[in-house]
Amino acid sequence: MTTFLSIVTPIYFLSPDSITTGIVDKSVGLLLAFNVSAHSWIGLNYVVTDYVPKVSKGLVGPARAVTAGIGAVTLLGLGKVALNDKGGLKGVVLGLWKKKEE
């Protein structure tokens, strides 16, 4: 999962728009959305395993449910952006550095 993210993400964002339009953009965007969501969910579960039992062992279950919810919301949000017709994930990220047209 981490290897996929470290290889595919720069290729996707640095490739020309002529290659990553249409179905390629949406499919790679959805793959990235799934991998980022799963990666964050797994990482947050490690945080829960390490730190929540120090506070209360009874909170481990609810904390895991919260991390699953965060992962699901992340997947839904990134998935919606990936399926957006205005450039998907690539368009949103690159739009952060573009000047606003007046």
N, C-alpha and C. Protein backbone atom coordinates (compact mmCIF):
# COMPACT_ATOMS: atom_id res chain seq x y z
N MET A 1 0.82 -1.18 0.00
CA MET A 1 0.00 0.00 0.00
C MET A 1 0.87 1.26 0.00
N THR A 2 1.87 1.31 0.87
CA THR A 2 2.75 2.47 0.93
C THR A 2 3.58 2.57 -0.34
N THR A 3 4.03 1.43 -0.85
CA THR A 3 4.80 1.43 -2.10
C THR A 3 3.95 1.94 -3.25
N PHE A 4 2.70 1.51 -3.30
CA PHE A 4 1.79 1.98 -4.35
C PHE A 4 1.66 3.50 -4.27
N LEU A 5 1.43 4.03 -3.07
CA LEU A 5 1.27 5.47 -2.91
C LEU A 5 2.53 6.22 -3.29
N SER A 6 3.69 5.69 -2.90
CA SER A 6 4.94 6.41 -3.18
C SER A 6 5.33 6.37 -4.65
N ILE A 7 4.85 5.39 -5.39
CA ILE A 7 5.18 5.31 -6.81
C ILE A 7 4.12 5.97 -7.67
N VAL A 8 2.87 5.66 -7.44
CA VAL A 8 1.79 6.12 -8.32
C VAL A 8 1.47 7.60 -8.12
N THR A 9 1.53 8.10 -6.90
CA THR A 9 1.14 9.50 -6.65
C THR A 9 1.98 10.50 -7.45
N PRO A 10 3.32 10.43 -7.40
CA PRO A 10 4.08 11.40 -8.20
C PRO A 10 3.88 11.21 -9.70
N ILE A 11 3.76 9.97 -10.15
CA ILE A 11 3.53 9.73 -11.57
C ILE A 11 2.22 10.36 -12.00
N TYR A 12 1.19 10.18 -11.20
CA TYR A 12 -0.14 10.72 -11.51
C TYR A 12 -0.13 12.24 -11.55
N PHE A 13 0.47 12.87 -10.54
CA PHE A 13 0.43 14.32 -10.47
C PHE A 13 1.39 15.00 -11.45
N LEU A 14 2.46 14.32 -11.85
CA LEU A 14 3.41 14.93 -12.76
C LEU A 14 3.17 14.58 -14.22
N SER A 15 2.25 13.66 -14.49
CA SER A 15 1.97 13.30 -15.88
C SER A 15 1.13 14.38 -16.56
N PRO A 16 1.29 14.53 -17.87
CA PRO A 16 0.52 15.56 -18.58
C PRO A 16 -0.98 15.25 -18.57
N ASP A 17 -1.77 16.31 -18.67
CA ASP A 17 -3.22 16.16 -18.66
C ASP A 17 -3.73 15.34 -19.84
N SER A 18 -3.01 15.35 -20.94
CA SER A 18 -3.47 14.60 -22.11
C SER A 18 -3.48 13.08 -21.85
N ILE A 19 -2.65 12.63 -20.92
CA ILE A 19 -2.60 11.20 -20.59
C ILE A 19 -3.63 10.85 -19.52
N THR A 20 -3.79 11.73 -18.56
CA THR A 20 -4.66 11.43 -17.42
C THR A 20 -5.98 12.17 -17.51
N THR A 21 -6.72 11.93 -18.55
CA THR A 21 -8.06 12.50 -18.65
C THR A 21 -9.08 11.38 -18.75
N GLY A 22 -10.31 11.67 -18.41
CA GLY A 22 -11.38 10.70 -18.55
C GLY A 22 -11.29 9.56 -17.56
N ILE A 23 -11.40 8.36 -18.07
CA ILE A 23 -11.47 7.16 -17.22
C ILE A 23 -10.16 6.91 -16.47
N VAL A 24 -9.03 7.28 -17.06
CA VAL A 24 -7.75 7.09 -16.38
C VAL A 24 -7.69 7.97 -15.13
N ASP A 25 -8.10 9.22 -15.28
CA ASP A 25 -8.09 10.15 -14.15
C ASP A 25 -9.01 9.65 -13.03
N LYS A 26 -10.20 9.23 -13.39
CA LYS A 26 -11.15 8.78 -12.38
C LYS A 26 -10.70 7.48 -11.71
N SER A 27 -10.18 6.55 -12.48
CA SER A 27 -9.78 5.27 -11.88
C SER A 27 -8.55 5.42 -10.99
N VAL A 28 -7.54 6.17 -11.45
CA VAL A 28 -6.37 6.39 -10.60
C VAL A 28 -6.75 7.22 -9.38
N GLY A 29 -7.63 8.19 -9.56
CA GLY A 29 -8.10 8.99 -8.43
C GLY A 29 -8.81 8.15 -7.39
N LEU A 30 -9.64 7.21 -7.85
CA LEU A 30 -10.33 6.33 -6.90
C LEU A 30 -9.36 5.38 -6.21
N LEU A 31 -8.37 4.88 -6.95
CA LEU A 31 -7.35 4.02 -6.33
C LEU A 31 -6.57 4.79 -5.27
N LEU A 32 -6.20 6.02 -5.59
CA LEU A 32 -5.50 6.84 -4.61
C LEU A 32 -6.39 7.15 -3.41
N ALA A 33 -7.66 7.45 -3.65
CA ALA A 33 -8.58 7.72 -2.55
C ALA A 33 -8.70 6.52 -1.63
N PHE A 34 -8.84 5.33 -2.21
CA PHE A 34 -8.94 4.11 -1.40
C PHE A 34 -7.66 3.89 -0.61
N ASN A 35 -6.51 4.02 -1.26
CA ASN A 35 -5.24 3.76 -0.58
C ASN A 35 -4.94 4.79 0.50
N VAL A 36 -5.22 6.05 0.26
CA VAL A 36 -4.98 7.08 1.29
C VAL A 36 -5.90 6.83 2.49
N SER A 37 -7.15 6.50 2.23
CA SER A 37 -8.10 6.24 3.32
C SER A 37 -7.69 5.01 4.13
N ALA A 38 -7.33 3.94 3.45
CA ALA A 38 -6.90 2.73 4.15
C ALA A 38 -5.61 2.97 4.92
N HIS A 39 -4.70 3.71 4.32
CA HIS A 39 -3.42 4.00 4.96
C HIS A 39 -3.63 4.81 6.25
N SER A 40 -4.50 5.81 6.19
CA SER A 40 -4.76 6.62 7.39
C SER A 40 -5.51 5.81 8.44
N TRP A 41 -6.44 4.95 8.01
CA TRP A 41 -7.18 4.13 8.96
C TRP A 41 -6.24 3.18 9.70
N ILE A 42 -5.35 2.53 8.97
CA ILE A 42 -4.39 1.61 9.60
C ILE A 42 -3.48 2.37 10.56
N GLY A 43 -2.99 3.54 10.13
CA GLY A 43 -2.12 4.33 11.00
C GLY A 43 -2.82 4.78 12.26
N LEU A 44 -4.07 5.21 12.13
CA LEU A 44 -4.83 5.62 13.31
C LEU A 44 -5.10 4.45 14.25
N ASN A 45 -5.27 3.25 13.70
CA ASN A 45 -5.44 2.07 14.56
C ASN A 45 -4.19 1.79 15.38
N TYR A 46 -3.02 2.04 14.79
CA TYR A 46 -1.77 1.88 15.57
C TYR A 46 -1.70 2.92 16.69
N VAL A 47 -2.16 4.13 16.41
CA VAL A 47 -2.19 5.15 17.45
C VAL A 47 -3.14 4.73 18.57
N VAL A 48 -4.31 4.20 18.20
CA VAL A 48 -5.27 3.72 19.21
C VAL A 48 -4.65 2.60 20.03
N THR A 49 -3.98 1.66 19.37
CA THR A 49 -3.37 0.53 20.08
C THR A 49 -2.30 1.00 21.06
N ASP A 50 -1.53 2.01 20.68
CA ASP A 50 -0.43 2.47 21.53
C ASP A 50 -0.88 3.37 22.67
N TYR A 51 -1.82 4.26 22.42
CA TYR A 51 -2.09 5.32 23.39
C TYR A 51 -3.41 5.24 24.13
N VAL A 52 -4.45 4.70 23.54
CA VAL A 52 -5.75 4.68 24.21
C VAL A 52 -5.76 3.77 25.44
N PRO A 53 -5.12 2.58 25.42
CA PRO A 53 -5.12 1.77 26.65
C PRO A 53 -4.48 2.45 27.85
N LYS A 54 -3.61 3.42 27.61
CA LYS A 54 -3.00 4.14 28.72
C LYS A 54 -4.03 5.01 29.44
N VAL A 55 -5.05 5.43 28.71
CA VAL A 55 -6.12 6.23 29.30
C VAL A 55 -7.18 5.31 29.89
N SER A 56 -7.70 4.39 29.06
CA SER A 56 -8.71 3.45 29.51
C SER A 56 -8.81 2.31 28.51
N LYS A 57 -8.72 1.08 29.00
CA LYS A 57 -8.83 -0.07 28.11
C LYS A 57 -10.23 -0.21 27.53
N GLY A 58 -11.20 0.33 28.21
CA GLY A 58 -12.58 0.27 27.73
C GLY A 58 -12.85 1.20 26.55
N LEU A 59 -11.97 2.14 26.31
CA LEU A 59 -12.15 3.08 25.21
C LEU A 59 -11.54 2.59 23.89
N VAL A 60 -10.87 1.45 23.91
CA VAL A 60 -10.22 0.97 22.69
C VAL A 60 -11.25 0.66 21.61
N GLY A 61 -12.33 -0.02 21.96
CA GLY A 61 -13.37 -0.35 20.98
C GLY A 61 -14.02 0.88 20.36
N PRO A 62 -14.50 1.81 21.19
CA PRO A 62 -15.07 3.03 20.61
C PRO A 62 -14.06 3.85 19.79
N ALA A 63 -12.80 3.87 20.24
CA ALA A 63 -11.79 4.61 19.48
C ALA A 63 -11.56 3.97 18.11
N ARG A 64 -11.59 2.65 18.05
CA ARG A 64 -11.46 1.97 16.75
C ARG A 64 -12.65 2.27 15.85
N ALA A 65 -13.84 2.37 16.44
CA ALA A 65 -15.02 2.73 15.65
C ALA A 65 -14.89 4.14 15.10
N VAL A 66 -14.34 5.05 15.90
CA VAL A 66 -14.12 6.42 15.43
C VAL A 66 -13.12 6.45 14.29
N THR A 67 -12.03 5.67 14.40
CA THR A 67 -11.05 5.64 13.31
C THR A 67 -11.65 5.04 12.05
N ALA A 68 -12.52 4.05 12.18
CA ALA A 68 -13.20 3.50 11.01
C ALA A 68 -14.10 4.55 10.38
N GLY A 69 -14.78 5.33 11.21
CA GLY A 69 -15.63 6.41 10.70
C GLY A 69 -14.82 7.47 9.98
N ILE A 70 -13.68 7.83 10.55
CA ILE A 70 -12.80 8.81 9.90
C ILE A 70 -12.32 8.29 8.56
N GLY A 71 -11.95 7.01 8.52
CA GLY A 71 -11.52 6.41 7.25
C GLY A 71 -12.63 6.39 6.22
N ALA A 72 -13.86 6.10 6.65
CA ALA A 72 -14.99 6.07 5.73
C ALA A 72 -15.31 7.46 5.19
N VAL A 73 -15.28 8.46 6.07
CA VAL A 73 -15.55 9.83 5.62
C VAL A 73 -14.45 10.30 4.66
N THR A 74 -13.21 9.93 4.95
CA THR A 74 -12.10 10.27 4.06
C THR A 74 -12.29 9.63 2.70
N LEU A 75 -12.67 8.36 2.69
CA LEU A 75 -12.89 7.66 1.43
C LEU A 75 -14.04 8.29 0.64
N LEU A 76 -15.13 8.61 1.31
CA LEU A 76 -16.26 9.24 0.62
C LEU A 76 -15.88 10.61 0.05
N GLY A 77 -15.18 11.41 0.83
CA GLY A 77 -14.79 12.74 0.38
C GLY A 77 -13.81 12.69 -0.78
N LEU A 78 -12.75 11.90 -0.64
CA LEU A 78 -11.77 11.80 -1.72
C LEU A 78 -12.37 11.13 -2.95
N GLY A 79 -13.27 10.16 -2.72
CA GLY A 79 -13.94 9.51 -3.85
C GLY A 79 -14.81 10.48 -4.62
N LYS A 80 -15.51 11.35 -3.90
CA LYS A 80 -16.35 12.35 -4.56
C LYS A 80 -15.49 13.32 -5.37
N VAL A 81 -14.36 13.73 -4.81
CA VAL A 81 -13.46 14.63 -5.53
C VAL A 81 -12.86 13.92 -6.73
N ALA A 82 -12.51 12.65 -6.58
CA ALA A 82 -11.90 11.90 -7.68
C ALA A 82 -12.86 11.75 -8.85
N LEU A 83 -14.14 11.67 -8.58
CA LEU A 83 -15.13 11.51 -9.64
C LEU A 83 -15.63 12.85 -10.20
N ASN A 84 -15.11 13.95 -9.66
CA ASN A 84 -15.50 15.28 -10.12
C ASN A 84 -15.03 15.48 -11.56
N ASP A 85 -15.86 16.11 -12.37
CA ASP A 85 -15.52 16.33 -13.78
C ASP A 85 -14.54 17.48 -13.99
N LYS A 86 -14.20 18.20 -12.97
CA LYS A 86 -13.31 19.35 -13.13
C LYS A 86 -11.88 19.01 -12.75
N GLY A 87 -11.38 17.87 -13.20
CA GLY A 87 -9.98 17.52 -12.98
C GLY A 87 -9.72 16.50 -11.90
N GLY A 88 -10.72 16.12 -11.15
CA GLY A 88 -10.54 15.11 -10.11
C GLY A 88 -9.55 15.54 -9.04
N LEU A 89 -8.86 14.57 -8.45
CA LEU A 89 -7.88 14.85 -7.41
C LEU A 89 -6.75 15.72 -7.94
N LYS A 90 -6.32 15.42 -9.15
CA LYS A 90 -5.22 16.17 -9.75
C LYS A 90 -5.60 17.63 -9.93
N GLY A 91 -6.79 17.88 -10.42
CA GLY A 91 -7.25 19.25 -10.61
C GLY A 91 -7.37 20.02 -9.32
N VAL A 92 -7.83 19.36 -8.26
CA VAL A 92 -7.98 20.02 -6.97
C VAL A 92 -6.62 20.36 -6.37
N VAL A 93 -5.70 19.41 -6.40
CA VAL A 93 -4.38 19.66 -5.82
C VAL A 93 -3.62 20.71 -6.62
N LEU A 94 -3.64 20.62 -7.93
CA LEU A 94 -2.95 21.62 -8.75
C LEU A 94 -3.63 22.98 -8.66
N GLY A 95 -4.93 23.00 -8.40
CA GLY A 95 -5.65 24.25 -8.25
C GLY A 95 -5.22 25.04 -7.02
N LEU A 96 -4.59 24.39 -6.07
CA LEU A 96 -4.11 25.10 -4.89
C LEU A 96 -3.01 26.10 -5.24
N TRP A 97 -2.28 25.85 -6.34
CA TRP A 97 -1.17 26.72 -6.71
C TRP A 97 -1.49 27.64 -7.88
N LYS A 98 -2.65 27.52 -8.46
CA LYS A 98 -3.03 28.38 -9.57
C LYS A 98 -3.60 29.69 -9.05
N LYS A 99 -3.31 30.75 -9.77
CA LYS A 99 -3.89 32.04 -9.40
C LYS A 99 -5.35 32.07 -9.80
N LYS A 100 -6.15 32.77 -9.01
CA LYS A 100 -7.56 32.91 -9.32
C LYS A 100 -7.73 33.82 -10.51
N GLU A 101 -8.61 33.42 -11.42
CA GLU A 101 -8.91 34.26 -12.56
C GLU A 101 -9.92 35.31 -12.14
N GLU A 102 -9.63 36.54 -12.46
CA GLU A 102 -10.54 37.63 -12.06
C GLU A 102 -11.38 38.11 -13.20
